[in-house]
Amino acid sequence: MDLKDQLKNLFPDHEETPQEPSNHVDSNLWIQDDPIICKYEKRKGKPITILEGYTGATEDFKMLAKDLKKELSVGGSFKDDKIIIQGDYRDKIMSILKEKGFNVKRVGG
């Protein structure tokens, strides 16, 4: 007798509702009208990609930064309302953000 059977014996009137898998990032993020600026710089001789111009909550932008870093398997940080990603990943970042529903503008080369 597994756990579900034991629970059915204890609570015979309870009906189980199927749970749908949710994509928490897409449903909770504030999608803005103004584009997010995606630009490329070199600092100390190393390339970085900077995202700025998000007008939603800071926590949402931090969550977006974490998801981008995880999906690209790179390092980065969140400082002064900017996401800084190590390396030149403008094309990949722009395609990921467009899939999430953001409007993105490429700046600087």
N, C-alpha and C. Protein backbone atom coordinates (compact mmCIF):
# COMPACT_ATOMS: atom_id res chain seq x y z
N MET A 1 0.85 -1.17 0.00
CA MET A 1 0.00 0.00 0.00
C MET A 1 0.90 1.24 0.00
N ASP A 2 0.76 2.06 -1.02
CA ASP A 2 1.61 3.24 -1.09
C ASP A 2 0.93 4.43 -0.41
N LEU A 3 1.59 5.54 -0.43
CA LEU A 3 1.14 6.73 0.29
C LEU A 3 -0.20 7.26 -0.24
N LYS A 4 -0.41 7.23 -1.54
CA LYS A 4 -1.67 7.71 -2.10
C LYS A 4 -2.85 6.88 -1.63
N ASP A 5 -2.66 5.57 -1.59
CA ASP A 5 -3.74 4.70 -1.10
C ASP A 5 -4.05 4.96 0.37
N GLN A 6 -3.01 5.18 1.16
CA GLN A 6 -3.22 5.48 2.58
C GLN A 6 -3.96 6.79 2.76
N LEU A 7 -3.63 7.79 1.95
CA LEU A 7 -4.31 9.08 2.04
C LEU A 7 -5.77 8.96 1.60
N LYS A 8 -6.03 8.12 0.60
CA LYS A 8 -7.41 7.91 0.16
C LYS A 8 -8.24 7.25 1.25
N ASN A 9 -7.59 6.33 1.99
CA ASN A 9 -8.29 5.69 3.11
C ASN A 9 -8.60 6.67 4.22
N LEU A 10 -7.67 7.59 4.48
CA LEU A 10 -7.88 8.57 5.55
C LEU A 10 -8.88 9.65 5.15
N PHE A 11 -8.83 10.08 3.88
CA PHE A 11 -9.70 11.16 3.40
C PHE A 11 -10.46 10.70 2.15
N PRO A 12 -11.52 9.93 2.33
CA PRO A 12 -12.23 9.39 1.17
C PRO A 12 -12.98 10.43 0.35
N ASP A 13 -13.35 11.57 0.95
CA ASP A 13 -14.11 12.59 0.22
C ASP A 13 -13.23 13.54 -0.59
N HIS A 14 -11.93 13.50 -0.38
CA HIS A 14 -11.02 14.43 -1.06
C HIS A 14 -10.84 14.02 -2.52
N GLU A 15 -11.00 15.01 -3.41
CA GLU A 15 -10.77 14.78 -4.84
C GLU A 15 -9.47 15.44 -5.24
N GLU A 16 -8.66 14.69 -5.96
CA GLU A 16 -7.35 15.18 -6.37
C GLU A 16 -7.48 16.01 -7.65
N THR A 17 -6.88 17.21 -7.65
CA THR A 17 -6.91 18.05 -8.85
C THR A 17 -5.55 18.00 -9.51
N PRO A 18 -5.51 17.78 -10.82
CA PRO A 18 -4.21 17.73 -11.50
C PRO A 18 -3.56 19.11 -11.52
N GLN A 19 -2.26 19.12 -11.27
CA GLN A 19 -1.52 20.38 -11.28
C GLN A 19 -0.77 20.50 -12.58
N GLU A 20 -0.86 21.69 -13.19
CA GLU A 20 -0.16 21.95 -14.44
C GLU A 20 1.22 22.50 -14.12
N PRO A 21 2.23 22.09 -14.88
CA PRO A 21 3.55 22.68 -14.66
C PRO A 21 3.53 24.15 -15.05
N SER A 22 4.06 24.98 -14.18
CA SER A 22 4.01 26.42 -14.45
C SER A 22 5.41 26.94 -14.74
N ASN A 23 5.49 27.85 -15.66
CA ASN A 23 6.74 28.54 -15.96
C ASN A 23 6.70 29.84 -15.18
N HIS A 24 7.29 29.86 -13.98
CA HIS A 24 7.13 30.98 -13.07
C HIS A 24 7.75 32.27 -13.58
N VAL A 25 8.74 32.19 -14.45
CA VAL A 25 9.39 33.40 -14.92
C VAL A 25 8.49 34.18 -15.87
N ASP A 26 7.92 33.49 -16.85
CA ASP A 26 7.11 34.17 -17.86
C ASP A 26 5.83 34.75 -17.26
N SER A 27 5.24 34.06 -16.28
CA SER A 27 3.96 34.51 -15.75
C SER A 27 4.11 35.67 -14.76
N ASN A 28 5.24 35.77 -14.09
CA ASN A 28 5.39 36.78 -13.04
C ASN A 28 6.14 38.03 -13.47
N LEU A 29 6.84 38.00 -14.57
CA LEU A 29 7.65 39.14 -14.97
C LEU A 29 6.79 40.24 -15.56
N TRP A 30 7.15 41.47 -15.27
CA TRP A 30 6.50 42.64 -15.82
C TRP A 30 7.02 42.85 -17.23
N ILE A 31 6.14 42.77 -18.22
CA ILE A 31 6.51 43.01 -19.61
C ILE A 31 6.23 44.49 -19.90
N GLN A 32 7.25 45.21 -20.28
CA GLN A 32 7.14 46.66 -20.45
C GLN A 32 7.02 47.03 -21.92
N ASP A 33 6.61 48.27 -22.14
CA ASP A 33 6.47 48.78 -23.51
C ASP A 33 7.81 49.25 -24.08
N ASP A 34 8.63 49.89 -23.25
CA ASP A 34 9.93 50.38 -23.69
C ASP A 34 10.89 49.21 -23.86
N PRO A 35 11.79 49.29 -24.85
CA PRO A 35 12.72 48.17 -25.05
C PRO A 35 13.81 48.13 -23.98
N ILE A 36 14.29 46.92 -23.72
CA ILE A 36 15.46 46.73 -22.86
C ILE A 36 16.68 46.94 -23.74
N ILE A 37 17.63 47.74 -23.27
CA ILE A 37 18.84 48.06 -24.03
C ILE A 37 19.87 46.95 -23.80
N CYS A 38 20.37 46.36 -24.88
CA CYS A 38 21.37 45.30 -24.81
C CYS A 38 22.63 45.83 -25.49
N LYS A 39 23.68 46.08 -24.71
CA LYS A 39 24.89 46.65 -25.30
C LYS A 39 26.13 45.87 -24.91
N TYR A 40 27.18 46.09 -25.67
CA TYR A 40 28.43 45.37 -25.56
C TYR A 40 29.52 46.35 -25.14
N GLU A 41 30.34 45.95 -24.19
CA GLU A 41 31.49 46.76 -23.77
C GLU A 41 32.67 45.85 -23.49
N LYS A 42 33.83 46.47 -23.39
CA LYS A 42 35.01 45.75 -22.93
C LYS A 42 35.50 46.44 -21.67
N ARG A 43 35.66 45.66 -20.63
CA ARG A 43 36.20 46.18 -19.37
C ARG A 43 37.41 45.35 -19.01
N LYS A 44 38.53 46.05 -18.81
CA LYS A 44 39.81 45.41 -18.50
C LYS A 44 40.17 44.37 -19.56
N GLY A 45 39.82 44.67 -20.81
CA GLY A 45 40.17 43.81 -21.93
C GLY A 45 39.26 42.62 -22.14
N LYS A 46 38.22 42.50 -21.30
CA LYS A 46 37.32 41.35 -21.42
C LYS A 46 35.93 41.82 -21.86
N PRO A 47 35.29 41.06 -22.75
CA PRO A 47 33.97 41.47 -23.25
C PRO A 47 32.86 41.20 -22.23
N ILE A 48 31.91 42.13 -22.15
CA ILE A 48 30.74 41.94 -21.31
C ILE A 48 29.51 42.42 -22.08
N THR A 49 28.35 41.89 -21.72
CA THR A 49 27.08 42.31 -22.28
C THR A 49 26.27 42.93 -21.15
N ILE A 50 25.72 44.12 -21.39
CA ILE A 50 24.99 44.85 -20.37
C ILE A 50 23.53 45.00 -20.80
N LEU A 51 22.61 44.70 -19.89
CA LEU A 51 21.18 44.89 -20.12
C LEU A 51 20.69 45.95 -19.16
N GLU A 52 20.01 46.96 -19.68
CA GLU A 52 19.49 48.02 -18.82
C GLU A 52 18.19 48.55 -19.40
N GLY A 53 17.47 49.30 -18.59
CA GLY A 53 16.24 49.93 -19.06
C GLY A 53 14.99 49.20 -18.63
N TYR A 54 15.07 48.29 -17.66
CA TYR A 54 13.88 47.57 -17.19
C TYR A 54 13.16 48.45 -16.18
N THR A 55 11.84 48.62 -16.34
CA THR A 55 11.09 49.52 -15.48
C THR A 55 10.26 48.79 -14.43
N GLY A 56 10.31 47.47 -14.39
CA GLY A 56 9.53 46.71 -13.42
C GLY A 56 10.22 46.64 -12.07
N ALA A 57 9.83 45.68 -11.26
CA ALA A 57 10.38 45.51 -9.92
C ALA A 57 11.81 44.99 -10.00
N THR A 58 12.60 45.39 -9.02
CA THR A 58 13.99 44.98 -8.97
C THR A 58 14.12 43.47 -8.80
N GLU A 59 13.24 42.87 -8.01
CA GLU A 59 13.28 41.42 -7.80
C GLU A 59 13.02 40.66 -9.10
N ASP A 60 12.14 41.18 -9.95
CA ASP A 60 11.88 40.53 -11.24
C ASP A 60 13.12 40.59 -12.12
N PHE A 61 13.81 41.73 -12.09
CA PHE A 61 15.01 41.90 -12.92
C PHE A 61 16.12 40.98 -12.41
N LYS A 62 16.22 40.81 -11.09
CA LYS A 62 17.20 39.89 -10.52
C LYS A 62 16.90 38.46 -10.92
N MET A 63 15.62 38.10 -10.93
CA MET A 63 15.21 36.76 -11.33
C MET A 63 15.52 36.53 -12.81
N LEU A 64 15.31 37.55 -13.62
CA LEU A 64 15.64 37.46 -15.04
C LEU A 64 17.14 37.27 -15.23
N ALA A 65 17.95 38.00 -14.44
CA ALA A 65 19.41 37.86 -14.52
C ALA A 65 19.83 36.44 -14.17
N LYS A 66 19.25 35.89 -13.13
CA LYS A 66 19.58 34.54 -12.71
C LYS A 66 19.24 33.53 -13.80
N ASP A 67 18.06 33.69 -14.42
CA ASP A 67 17.65 32.77 -15.48
C ASP A 67 18.55 32.88 -16.70
N LEU A 68 18.95 34.10 -17.06
CA LEU A 68 19.84 34.28 -18.21
C LEU A 68 21.19 33.63 -17.94
N LYS A 69 21.74 33.85 -16.76
CA LYS A 69 23.04 33.27 -16.43
C LYS A 69 22.98 31.74 -16.42
N LYS A 70 21.88 31.21 -15.93
CA LYS A 70 21.73 29.76 -15.88
C LYS A 70 21.58 29.18 -17.29
N GLU A 71 20.79 29.84 -18.13
CA GLU A 71 20.55 29.33 -19.48
C GLU A 71 21.80 29.43 -20.36
N LEU A 72 22.58 30.48 -20.17
CA LEU A 72 23.79 30.66 -20.98
C LEU A 72 25.01 29.98 -20.36
N SER A 73 24.91 29.54 -19.12
CA SER A 73 26.01 28.91 -18.38
C SER A 73 27.22 29.83 -18.30
N VAL A 74 26.98 31.07 -17.93
CA VAL A 74 28.05 32.05 -17.78
C VAL A 74 27.90 32.78 -16.45
N GLY A 75 28.91 33.54 -16.10
CA GLY A 75 28.86 34.35 -14.89
C GLY A 75 28.30 35.72 -15.20
N GLY A 76 28.02 36.44 -14.14
CA GLY A 76 27.50 37.78 -14.30
C GLY A 76 27.06 38.34 -12.98
N SER A 77 26.49 39.53 -13.02
CA SER A 77 26.04 40.17 -11.78
C SER A 77 24.89 41.12 -12.07
N PHE A 78 24.31 41.61 -10.98
CA PHE A 78 23.23 42.59 -11.06
C PHE A 78 23.65 43.77 -10.20
N LYS A 79 23.90 44.93 -10.82
CA LYS A 79 24.33 46.12 -10.08
C LYS A 79 23.68 47.35 -10.70
N ASP A 80 23.23 48.27 -9.85
CA ASP A 80 22.72 49.57 -10.29
C ASP A 80 21.65 49.43 -11.37
N ASP A 81 20.71 48.53 -11.19
CA ASP A 81 19.62 48.28 -12.15
C ASP A 81 20.14 47.89 -13.54
N LYS A 82 21.25 47.17 -13.57
CA LYS A 82 21.82 46.66 -14.82
C LYS A 82 22.19 45.20 -14.62
N ILE A 83 21.99 44.39 -15.65
CA ILE A 83 22.47 43.02 -15.65
C ILE A 83 23.76 42.99 -16.45
N ILE A 84 24.81 42.47 -15.85
CA ILE A 84 26.11 42.38 -16.51
C ILE A 84 26.42 40.90 -16.71
N ILE A 85 26.56 40.48 -17.97
CA ILE A 85 26.85 39.09 -18.33
C ILE A 85 28.26 39.03 -18.89
N GLN A 86 29.05 38.08 -18.42
CA GLN A 86 30.42 37.95 -18.89
C GLN A 86 30.43 37.33 -20.28
N GLY A 87 31.01 38.04 -21.25
CA GLY A 87 31.10 37.55 -22.62
C GLY A 87 30.14 38.29 -23.54
N ASP A 88 30.34 38.09 -24.85
CA ASP A 88 29.49 38.73 -25.85
C ASP A 88 28.39 37.76 -26.26
N TYR A 89 27.24 37.86 -25.60
CA TYR A 89 26.10 36.97 -25.85
C TYR A 89 24.88 37.76 -26.29
N ARG A 90 25.08 38.87 -27.01
CA ARG A 90 23.96 39.73 -27.38
C ARG A 90 22.90 39.00 -28.18
N ASP A 91 23.30 38.23 -29.18
CA ASP A 91 22.32 37.55 -30.04
C ASP A 91 21.51 36.52 -29.26
N LYS A 92 22.18 35.73 -28.43
CA LYS A 92 21.47 34.71 -27.65
C LYS A 92 20.55 35.35 -26.62
N ILE A 93 21.04 36.40 -25.96
CA ILE A 93 20.23 37.08 -24.95
C ILE A 93 19.00 37.72 -25.59
N MET A 94 19.19 38.34 -26.74
CA MET A 94 18.06 38.97 -27.42
C MET A 94 17.01 37.94 -27.83
N SER A 95 17.44 36.78 -28.30
CA SER A 95 16.46 35.75 -28.69
C SER A 95 15.74 35.19 -27.46
N ILE A 96 16.44 35.02 -26.34
CA ILE A 96 15.81 34.53 -25.11
C ILE A 96 14.78 35.53 -24.61
N LEU A 97 15.15 36.82 -24.60
CA LEU A 97 14.22 37.84 -24.11
C LEU A 97 13.01 37.99 -25.03
N LYS A 98 13.21 37.84 -26.33
CA LYS A 98 12.07 37.92 -27.26
C LYS A 98 11.12 36.75 -27.05
N GLU A 99 11.66 35.57 -26.74
CA GLU A 99 10.80 34.42 -26.44
C GLU A 99 9.97 34.67 -25.18
N LYS A 100 10.53 35.40 -24.22
CA LYS A 100 9.82 35.70 -22.99
C LYS A 100 8.81 36.84 -23.17
N GLY A 101 8.86 37.53 -24.31
CA GLY A 101 7.89 38.58 -24.60
C GLY A 101 8.41 39.99 -24.46
N PHE A 102 9.70 40.17 -24.25
CA PHE A 102 10.28 41.50 -24.09
C PHE A 102 10.61 42.10 -25.44
N ASN A 103 10.63 43.42 -25.50
CA ASN A 103 11.08 44.17 -26.65
C ASN A 103 12.53 44.56 -26.37
N VAL A 104 13.46 44.20 -27.25
CA VAL A 104 14.89 44.39 -26.99
C VAL A 104 15.50 45.24 -28.11
N LYS A 105 16.38 46.16 -27.71
CA LYS A 105 17.07 47.01 -28.68
C LYS A 105 18.57 46.78 -28.54
N ARG A 106 19.22 46.54 -29.67
CA ARG A 106 20.67 46.32 -29.67
C ARG A 106 21.39 47.64 -29.85
N VAL A 107 22.37 47.89 -28.99
CA VAL A 107 23.11 49.16 -29.02
C VAL A 107 24.61 48.83 -29.02
N GLY A 108 25.37 49.55 -29.83
CA GLY A 108 26.84 49.45 -29.78
C GLY A 108 27.41 48.32 -30.59
N GLY A 109 27.41 48.46 -31.89
CA GLY A 109 28.10 47.53 -32.77
C GLY A 109 27.36 46.35 -33.20
